[in-house]
C-alpha cells in the first residue's frame, strides 16, 4: 500500500471525516464505575478528506492522482 499525500503540501496528514453520531449504552463495570459501550453509529451524507497541515479538502480523485 502506498501512503496518500496532500496534493497541495505533500504531507501525509490526510484524514477522512464523516458526519455521524454514535449511540453508546452505559454499563456498570465490576469496579462500580460506568463505562460506555458502542451500540450504533448513524452516518449522515456529509463526508470529506482534509489535510491537517494546510487545511485543504481534496477530492478522492485528487488523492488518487497524488498517490500515483
C-alpha atoms as a PDB file:
ATOM      1  CA  UNK A   1       0.000   0.000   0.000  1.00  0.00           C
ATOM      2  CA  UNK A   2       1.214   3.496  -0.814  1.00  0.00           C
ATOM      3  CA  UNK A   3       0.698   6.430   1.513  1.00  0.00           C
ATOM      4  CA  UNK A   4      -1.744   9.092   0.416  1.00  0.00           C
ATOM      5  CA  UNK A   5      -0.399  12.631   0.485  1.00  0.00           C
ATOM      6  CA  UNK A   6      -2.000  16.046   0.207  1.00  0.00           C
ATOM      7  CA  UNK A   7      -1.962  17.285  -3.393  1.00  0.00           C
ATOM      8  CA  UNK A   8      -1.183  20.815  -2.135  1.00  0.00           C
ATOM      9  CA  UNK A   9       1.512  20.447   0.502  1.00  0.00           C
ATOM     10  CA  UNK A  10       2.657  16.840   0.035  1.00  0.00           C
ATOM     11  CA  UNK A  11       2.199  15.912   3.710  1.00  0.00           C
ATOM     12  CA  UNK A  12       0.732  12.590   4.886  1.00  0.00           C
ATOM     13  CA  UNK A  13      -1.678  14.349   7.262  1.00  0.00           C
ATOM     14  CA  UNK A  14      -4.818  13.425   5.307  1.00  0.00           C
ATOM     15  CA  UNK A  15      -7.834  12.287   7.305  1.00  0.00           C
ATOM     16  CA  UNK A  16     -11.380  11.360   6.346  1.00  0.00           C
ATOM     17  CA  UNK A  17     -14.257  12.905   8.254  1.00  0.00           C
ATOM     18  CA  UNK A  18     -17.804  11.562   8.355  1.00  0.00           C
ATOM     19  CA  UNK A  19     -20.689  13.439   9.908  1.00  0.00           C
ATOM     20  CA  UNK A  20     -22.217  10.937  12.311  1.00  0.00           C
ATOM     21  CA  UNK A  21     -23.400  10.354  15.799  1.00  0.00           C
ATOM     22  CA  UNK A  22     -22.585   7.355  17.939  1.00  0.00           C
ATOM     23  CA  UNK A  23     -25.045   5.834  20.373  1.00  0.00           C
ATOM     24  CA  UNK A  24     -23.485   4.235  23.433  1.00  0.00           C
ATOM     25  CA  UNK A  25     -25.136   2.256  26.220  1.00  0.00           C
ATOM     26  CA  UNK A  26     -23.985   2.835  29.783  1.00  0.00           C
ATOM     27  CA  UNK A  27     -22.950  -0.330  31.663  1.00  0.00           C
ATOM     28  CA  UNK A  28     -21.639  -0.835  35.159  1.00  0.00           C
ATOM     29  CA  UNK A  29     -18.129  -2.273  35.400  1.00  0.00           C
ATOM     30  CA  UNK A  30     -17.168  -4.697  38.190  1.00  0.00           C
ATOM     31  CA  UNK A  31     -15.265  -1.873  39.922  1.00  0.00           C
ATOM     32  CA  UNK A  32     -18.513   0.108  40.252  1.00  0.00           C
ATOM     33  CA  UNK A  33     -17.720   2.699  37.567  1.00  0.00           C
ATOM     34  CA  UNK A  34     -19.745   3.429  34.465  1.00  0.00           C
ATOM     35  CA  UNK A  35     -18.484   2.505  31.035  1.00  0.00           C
ATOM     36  CA  UNK A  36     -19.972   3.362  27.641  1.00  0.00           C
ATOM     37  CA  UNK A  37     -20.330   0.565  25.091  1.00  0.00           C
ATOM     38  CA  UNK A  38     -20.895   1.489  21.438  1.00  0.00           C
ATOM     39  CA  UNK A  39     -24.384   0.478  20.382  1.00  0.00           C
ATOM     40  CA  UNK A  40     -24.899   2.030  16.942  1.00  0.00           C
ATOM     41  CA  UNK A  41     -23.429   4.631  14.595  1.00  0.00           C
ATOM     42  CA  UNK A  42     -25.610   6.685  12.287  1.00  0.00           C
ATOM     43  CA  UNK A  43     -23.812   8.440   9.460  1.00  0.00           C
ATOM     44  CA  UNK A  44     -25.001  11.447   7.504  1.00  0.00           C
ATOM     45  CA  UNK A  45     -24.321  12.237   3.865  1.00  0.00           C
ATOM     46  CA  UNK A  46     -21.595  14.743   4.587  1.00  0.00           C
ATOM     47  CA  UNK A  47     -18.071  13.374   4.480  1.00  0.00           C
ATOM     48  CA  UNK A  48     -14.773  14.780   3.263  1.00  0.00           C
ATOM     49  CA  UNK A  49     -10.995  14.409   3.256  1.00  0.00           C
ATOM     50  CA  UNK A  50      -8.922  17.113   4.927  1.00  0.00           C
ATOM     51  CA  UNK A  51      -5.215  17.813   5.340  1.00  0.00           C
ATOM     52  CA  UNK A  52      -4.314  18.755   8.904  1.00  0.00           C
ATOM     53  CA  UNK A  53      -1.211  20.601   7.696  1.00  0.00           C
ATOM     54  CA  UNK A  54      -2.669  23.041   5.157  1.00  0.00           C
ATOM     55  CA  UNK A  55      -6.445  22.655   5.638  1.00  0.00           C
ATOM     56  CA  UNK A  56      -7.186  21.699   2.023  1.00  0.00           C
ATOM     57  CA  UNK A  57     -10.120  19.393   1.369  1.00  0.00           C
ATOM     58  CA  UNK A  58      -9.124  17.425  -1.724  1.00  0.00           C
ATOM     59  CA  UNK A  59     -11.493  15.148  -3.610  1.00  0.00           C
ATOM     60  CA  UNK A  60     -10.970  11.397  -3.734  1.00  0.00           C
ATOM     61  CA  UNK A  61      -9.784  11.718  -7.333  1.00  0.00           C
ATOM     62  CA  UNK A  62      -7.137  14.272  -6.371  1.00  0.00           C
ATOM     63  CA  UNK A  63      -5.844  11.954  -3.643  1.00  0.00           C
ATOM     64  CA  UNK A  64      -5.597   9.030  -6.058  1.00  0.00           C
ATOM     65  CA  UNK A  65      -3.661  11.159  -8.547  1.00  0.00           C
ATOM     66  CA  UNK A  66      -1.310  12.446  -5.848  1.00  0.00           C
ATOM     67  CA  UNK A  67      -0.590   8.877  -4.689  1.00  0.00           C
ATOM     68  CA  UNK A  68       0.111   7.604  -8.227  1.00  0.00           C
END
